Amino acid sequence: MIALLIVALSLAGLVISIYFTFAYYGRVKKSRWVPEILCAREGSSCVTVVQTPYARVFGVPNSLLGIVYYLAVLVWVFDDIEGWSFPIWTSIAGGFIGSIEVGMGAMELHFSGPVHLLLVLASLGTVVLGFYLIYALRRLLQTDCPLCFTAHAINLAIFVLLFLSAG
């Protein structure tokens, strides 16, 4: 169950990050792909938000970092599901993931080890950055971005699931 939640949240986050990346690089002129309730309202345009200085960390768009993060989480989860194999990932992380097993039928995840710890720390970083970005949206830019808030909520949920699964 935990694996399915992490996969669902990561896929949702990945879709949002891809959308924001398209917006950042000017491939989205209006927020027509996203339902108006999320992003297309006047004053809450995702296209406008991604053009601010807050849309980058060390010059790299936040959304690109999000794509890398969500893909890393997905690769880790799928690599740990019995029957799945990513040879390159396995050779890099080989033997690092181990010790605590949570079984759910054919889905068996191994929640511990350095790779899991790195994902928990990366996830914590997304949450801390998210709180700052929410502050920047509300106080500094004085705008709302429901899709941004959704992405930050996804990051918080993934962090909680990864953190609790370490236990």
C-alpha atoms as a PDB file:
ATOM      1  CA  MET A   1       0.000   0.000   0.000  1.00  0.00           C
ATOM      2  CA  ILE A   2       2.825   2.406   0.846  1.00  0.00           C
ATOM      3  CA  ALA A   3       4.504   1.651  -2.478  1.00  0.00           C
ATOM      4  CA  LEU A   4       1.314   2.386  -4.407  1.00  0.00           C
ATOM      5  CA  LEU A   5       0.837   5.696  -2.598  1.00  0.00           C
ATOM      6  CA  ILE A   6       4.433   6.730  -3.265  1.00  0.00           C
ATOM      7  CA  VAL A   7       4.110   5.769  -6.941  1.00  0.00           C
ATOM      8  CA  ALA A   8       0.812   7.641  -7.354  1.00  0.00           C
ATOM      9  CA  LEU A   9       2.132  10.757  -5.637  1.00  0.00           C
ATOM     10  CA  SER A  10       5.411  10.643  -7.579  1.00  0.00           C
ATOM     11  CA  LEU A  11       3.593  10.298 -10.900  1.00  0.00           C
ATOM     12  CA  ALA A  12       1.341  13.249 -10.046  1.00  0.00           C
ATOM     13  CA  GLY A  13       4.369  15.303  -9.027  1.00  0.00           C
ATOM     14  CA  LEU A  14       6.184  14.291 -12.199  1.00  0.00           C
ATOM     15  CA  VAL A  15       3.282  15.447 -14.384  1.00  0.00           C
ATOM     16  CA  ILE A  16       3.171  18.807 -12.566  1.00  0.00           C
ATOM     17  CA  SER A  17       6.952  19.210 -12.880  1.00  0.00           C
ATOM     18  CA  ILE A  18       6.837  18.469 -16.594  1.00  0.00           C
ATOM     19  CA  TYR A  19       4.057  21.030 -17.022  1.00  0.00           C
ATOM     20  CA  PHE A  20       6.039  23.665 -15.095  1.00  0.00           C
ATOM     21  CA  THR A  21       9.150  22.860 -17.151  1.00  0.00           C
ATOM     22  CA  PHE A  22       7.220  23.442 -20.369  1.00  0.00           C
ATOM     23  CA  ALA A  23       5.910  26.702 -18.906  1.00  0.00           C
ATOM     24  CA  TYR A  24       9.390  27.761 -17.780  1.00  0.00           C
ATOM     25  CA  TYR A  25      10.860  27.262 -21.247  1.00  0.00           C
ATOM     26  CA  GLY A  26       7.987  29.087 -22.941  1.00  0.00           C
ATOM     27  CA  ARG A  27       6.298  26.048 -24.444  1.00  0.00           C
ATOM     28  CA  VAL A  28       3.042  26.939 -22.680  1.00  0.00           C
ATOM     29  CA  LYS A  29       1.680  30.355 -23.567  1.00  0.00           C
ATOM     30  CA  LYS A  30      -1.466  30.024 -21.497  1.00  0.00           C
ATOM     31  CA  SER A  31      -2.483  27.519 -18.866  1.00  0.00           C
ATOM     32  CA  ARG A  32      -4.934  25.844 -21.220  1.00  0.00           C
ATOM     33  CA  TRP A  33      -3.810  22.299 -20.393  1.00  0.00           C
ATOM     34  CA  VAL A  34      -4.682  22.636 -16.746  1.00  0.00           C
ATOM     35  CA  PRO A  35      -8.226  22.924 -15.405  1.00  0.00           C
ATOM     36  CA  GLU A  36      -9.045  26.519 -14.507  1.00  0.00           C
ATOM     37  CA  ILE A  37      -9.634  25.605 -10.875  1.00  0.00           C
ATOM     38  CA  LEU A  38      -5.942  24.724 -10.536  1.00  0.00           C
ATOM     39  CA  CYS A  39      -3.987  27.263 -12.461  1.00  0.00           C
ATOM     40  CA  ALA A  40      -5.634  29.284 -15.177  1.00  0.00           C
ATOM     41  CA  ARG A  41      -7.334  31.955 -13.034  1.00  0.00           C
ATOM     42  CA  GLU A  42      -6.353  35.570 -13.461  1.00  0.00           C
ATOM     43  CA  GLY A  43      -3.546  36.357 -11.029  1.00  0.00           C
ATOM     44  CA  SER A  44      -2.556  32.730 -10.484  1.00  0.00           C
ATOM     45  CA  SER A  45      -1.059  31.813 -13.827  1.00  0.00           C
ATOM     46  CA  CYS A  46       1.614  29.144 -13.624  1.00  0.00           C
ATOM     47  CA  VAL A  47       3.267  30.707 -16.620  1.00  0.00           C
ATOM     48  CA  THR A  48       3.758  33.919 -14.625  1.00  0.00           C
ATOM     49  CA  VAL A  49       4.973  32.157 -11.470  1.00  0.00           C
ATOM     50  CA  VAL A  50       7.688  30.179 -13.249  1.00  0.00           C
ATOM     51  CA  GLN A  51       9.166  33.373 -14.675  1.00  0.00           C
ATOM     52  CA  THR A  52       9.978  34.764 -11.210  1.00  0.00           C
ATOM     53  CA  PRO A  53      13.401  34.413  -9.538  1.00  0.00           C
ATOM     54  CA  TYR A  54      11.812  31.997  -7.044  1.00  0.00           C
ATOM     55  CA  ALA A  55      11.346  29.423  -9.812  1.00  0.00           C
ATOM     56  CA  ARG A  56      15.066  28.579  -9.769  1.00  0.00           C
ATOM     57  CA  VAL A  57      17.515  27.102  -7.284  1.00  0.00           C
ATOM     58  CA  PHE A  58      21.160  27.861  -8.126  1.00  0.00           C
ATOM     59  CA  GLY A  59      20.033  28.855 -11.615  1.00  0.00           C
ATOM     60  CA  VAL A  60      18.299  25.530 -12.292  1.00  0.00           C
ATOM     61  CA  PRO A  61      14.502  25.556 -12.709  1.00  0.00           C
ATOM     62  CA  ASN A  62      12.764  24.015  -9.684  1.00  0.00           C
ATOM     63  CA  SER A  63      10.660  21.933 -12.054  1.00  0.00           C
ATOM     64  CA  LEU A  64      13.732  20.252 -13.587  1.00  0.00           C
ATOM     65  CA  LEU A  65      14.927  19.355 -10.102  1.00  0.00           C
ATOM     66  CA  GLY A  66      11.428  18.019  -9.445  1.00  0.00           C
ATOM     67  CA  ILE A  67      11.587  15.779 -12.510  1.00  0.00           C
ATOM     68  CA  VAL A  68      14.894  14.314 -11.327  1.00  0.00           C
ATOM     69  CA  TYR A  69      13.547  13.865  -7.782  1.00  0.00           C
ATOM     70  CA  TYR A  70      10.306  12.147  -8.800  1.00  0.00           C
ATOM     71  CA  LEU A  71      12.115   9.873 -11.259  1.00  0.00           C
ATOM     72  CA  ALA A  72      14.612   8.914  -8.527  1.00  0.00           C
ATOM     73  CA  VAL A  73      11.774   8.041  -6.159  1.00  0.00           C
ATOM     74  CA  LEU A  74      10.013   6.006  -8.849  1.00  0.00           C
ATOM     75  CA  VAL A  75      13.190   4.143  -9.807  1.00  0.00           C
ATOM     76  CA  TRP A  76      13.864   3.349  -6.136  1.00  0.00           C
ATOM     77  CA  VAL A  77      10.325   2.056  -5.565  1.00  0.00           C
ATOM     78  CA  PHE A  78      10.217  -0.008  -8.756  1.00  0.00           C
ATOM     79  CA  ASP A  79      13.711  -1.353  -8.162  1.00  0.00           C
ATOM     80  CA  ASP A  80      12.586  -2.596  -4.769  1.00  0.00           C
ATOM     81  CA  ILE A  81       9.384  -4.220  -6.008  1.00  0.00           C
ATOM     82  CA  GLU A  82       9.999  -7.907  -6.388  1.00  0.00           C
ATOM     83  CA  GLY A  83      10.311  -8.885 -10.031  1.00  0.00           C
ATOM     84  CA  TRP A  84      11.389  -5.443 -11.270  1.00  0.00           C
ATOM     85  CA  SER A  85      14.990  -4.787 -12.145  1.00  0.00           C
ATOM     86  CA  PHE A  86      16.920  -1.732 -13.245  1.00  0.00           C
ATOM     87  CA  PRO A  87      20.438  -3.090 -13.950  1.00  0.00           C
ATOM     88  CA  ILE A  88      22.175   0.320 -13.992  1.00  0.00           C
ATOM     89  CA  TRP A  89      20.473   1.436 -10.762  1.00  0.00           C
ATOM     90  CA  THR A  90      21.164  -1.941  -9.158  1.00  0.00           C
ATOM     91  CA  SER A  91      24.855  -1.741 -10.012  1.00  0.00           C
ATOM     92  CA  ILE A  92      25.072   1.772  -8.536  1.00  0.00           C
ATOM     93  CA  ALA A  93      23.019   1.015  -5.431  1.00  0.00           C
ATOM     94  CA  GLY A  94      23.812  -2.695  -5.263  1.00  0.00           C
ATOM     95  CA  GLY A  95      23.455  -4.062  -1.768  1.00  0.00           C
ATOM     96  CA  PHE A  96      22.735  -0.677  -0.165  1.00  0.00           C
ATOM     97  CA  ILE A  97      19.003  -1.167   0.161  1.00  0.00           C
ATOM     98  CA  GLY A  98      18.068  -3.726   2.734  1.00  0.00           C
ATOM     99  CA  SER A  99      16.983  -4.742   6.212  1.00  0.00           C
ATOM    100  CA  ILE A 100      13.352  -3.709   6.783  1.00  0.00           C
ATOM    101  CA  GLU A 101      10.820  -5.396   4.524  1.00  0.00           C
ATOM    102  CA  VAL A 102       7.180  -4.476   4.158  1.00  0.00           C
ATOM    103  CA  GLY A 103       5.343  -7.193   2.276  1.00  0.00           C
ATOM    104  CA  MET A 104       2.077  -6.701   0.415  1.00  0.00           C
ATOM    105  CA  GLY A 105       1.422  -9.667  -1.792  1.00  0.00           C
ATOM    106  CA  ALA A 106       3.860  -9.516  -4.692  1.00  0.00           C
ATOM    107  CA  MET A 107       5.010  -6.036  -3.675  1.00  0.00           C
ATOM    108  CA  GLU A 108       7.854  -6.163  -1.245  1.00  0.00           C
ATOM    109  CA  LEU A 109       9.785  -2.989  -0.479  1.00  0.00           C
ATOM    110  CA  HIS A 110      12.995  -2.653   1.455  1.00  0.00           C
ATOM    111  CA  PHE A 111      12.859   0.510   3.531  1.00  0.00           C
ATOM    112  CA  SER A 112      16.315   1.300   4.826  1.00  0.00           C
ATOM    113  CA  GLY A 113      19.911   1.732   3.862  1.00  0.00           C
ATOM    114  CA  PRO A 114      21.845   4.679   2.443  1.00  0.00           C
ATOM    115  CA  VAL A 115      19.720   5.035  -0.712  1.00  0.00           C
ATOM    116  CA  HIS A 116      16.541   5.280   1.335  1.00  0.00           C
ATOM    117  CA  LEU A 117      18.222   7.762   3.686  1.00  0.00           C
ATOM    118  CA  LEU A 118      19.286   9.909   0.707  1.00  0.00           C
ATOM    119  CA  LEU A 119      15.724   9.913  -0.604  1.00  0.00           C
ATOM    120  CA  VAL A 120      14.369  10.883   2.820  1.00  0.00           C
ATOM    121  CA  LEU A 121      16.892  13.752   3.018  1.00  0.00           C
ATOM    122  CA  ALA A 122      16.111  14.872  -0.550  1.00  0.00           C
ATOM    123  CA  SER A 123      12.435  14.695   0.302  1.00  0.00           C
ATOM    124  CA  LEU A 124      13.004  16.785   3.422  1.00  0.00           C
ATOM    125  CA  GLY A 125      14.795  19.306   1.212  1.00  0.00           C
ATOM    126  CA  THR A 126      11.760  19.533  -1.080  1.00  0.00           C
ATOM    127  CA  VAL A 127       9.537  20.181   1.936  1.00  0.00           C
ATOM    128  CA  VAL A 128      11.791  22.902   3.369  1.00  0.00           C
ATOM    129  CA  LEU A 129      12.108  24.550  -0.044  1.00  0.00           C
ATOM    130  CA  GLY A 130       8.345  24.207  -0.460  1.00  0.00           C
ATOM    131  CA  PHE A 131       7.643  26.141   2.737  1.00  0.00           C
ATOM    132  CA  TYR A 132       9.908  28.927   1.506  1.00  0.00           C
ATOM    133  CA  LEU A 133       8.261  28.943  -1.926  1.00  0.00           C
ATOM    134  CA  ILE A 134       4.790  29.086  -0.375  1.00  0.00           C
ATOM    135  CA  TYR A 135       5.969  32.046   1.707  1.00  0.00           C
ATOM    136  CA  ALA A 136       7.351  33.684  -1.445  1.00  0.00           C
ATOM    137  CA  LEU A 137       4.096  33.105  -3.323  1.00  0.00           C
ATOM    138  CA  ARG A 138       1.838  34.432  -0.575  1.00  0.00           C
ATOM    139  CA  ARG A 139       3.927  37.222   0.967  1.00  0.00           C
ATOM    140  CA  LEU A 140       6.440  38.366  -1.616  1.00  0.00           C
ATOM    141  CA  LEU A 141       4.615  37.788  -4.898  1.00  0.00           C
ATOM    142  CA  GLN A 142       1.157  38.122  -3.329  1.00  0.00           C
ATOM    143  CA  THR A 143      -0.359  35.550  -5.616  1.00  0.00           C
ATOM    144  CA  ASP A 144      -1.926  32.126  -5.449  1.00  0.00           C
ATOM    145  CA  CYS A 145      -0.853  29.137  -7.459  1.00  0.00           C
ATOM    146  CA  PRO A 146      -3.057  26.151  -6.591  1.00  0.00           C
ATOM    147  CA  LEU A 147      -0.953  23.852  -8.765  1.00  0.00           C
ATOM    148  CA  CYS A 148       2.155  24.968  -6.853  1.00  0.00           C
ATOM    149  CA  PHE A 149       0.400  24.295  -3.551  1.00  0.00           C
ATOM    150  CA  THR A 150      -0.618  20.862  -4.854  1.00  0.00           C
ATOM    151  CA  ALA A 151       2.988  20.040  -5.753  1.00  0.00           C
ATOM    152  CA  HIS A 152       4.180  21.120  -2.297  1.00  0.00           C
ATOM    153  CA  ALA A 153       1.481  18.981  -0.643  1.00  0.00           C
ATOM    154  CA  ILE A 154       2.614  16.002  -2.767  1.00  0.00           C
ATOM    155  CA  ASN A 155       6.210  16.562  -1.622  1.00  0.00           C
ATOM    156  CA  LEU A 156       5.112  16.681   2.020  1.00  0.00           C
ATOM    157  CA  ALA A 157       3.115  13.454   1.639  1.00  0.00           C
ATOM    158  CA  ILE A 158       6.040  11.662  -0.035  1.00  0.00           C
ATOM    159  CA  PHE A 159       8.354  12.826   2.754  1.00  0.00           C
ATOM    160  CA  VAL A 160       5.987  11.556   5.440  1.00  0.00           C
ATOM    161  CA  LEU A 161       5.623   8.166   3.700  1.00  0.00           C
ATOM    162  CA  LEU A 162       9.381   7.776   3.203  1.00  0.00           C
ATOM    163  CA  PHE A 163      10.138   8.922   6.757  1.00  0.00           C
ATOM    164  CA  LEU A 164       7.543   6.680   8.386  1.00  0.00           C
ATOM    165  CA  SER A 165       8.614   3.712   6.295  1.00  0.00           C
ATOM    166  CA  ALA A 166      12.156   3.972   7.656  1.00  0.00           C
ATOM    167  CA  GLY A 167      11.030   2.852  11.010  1.00  0.00           C
END
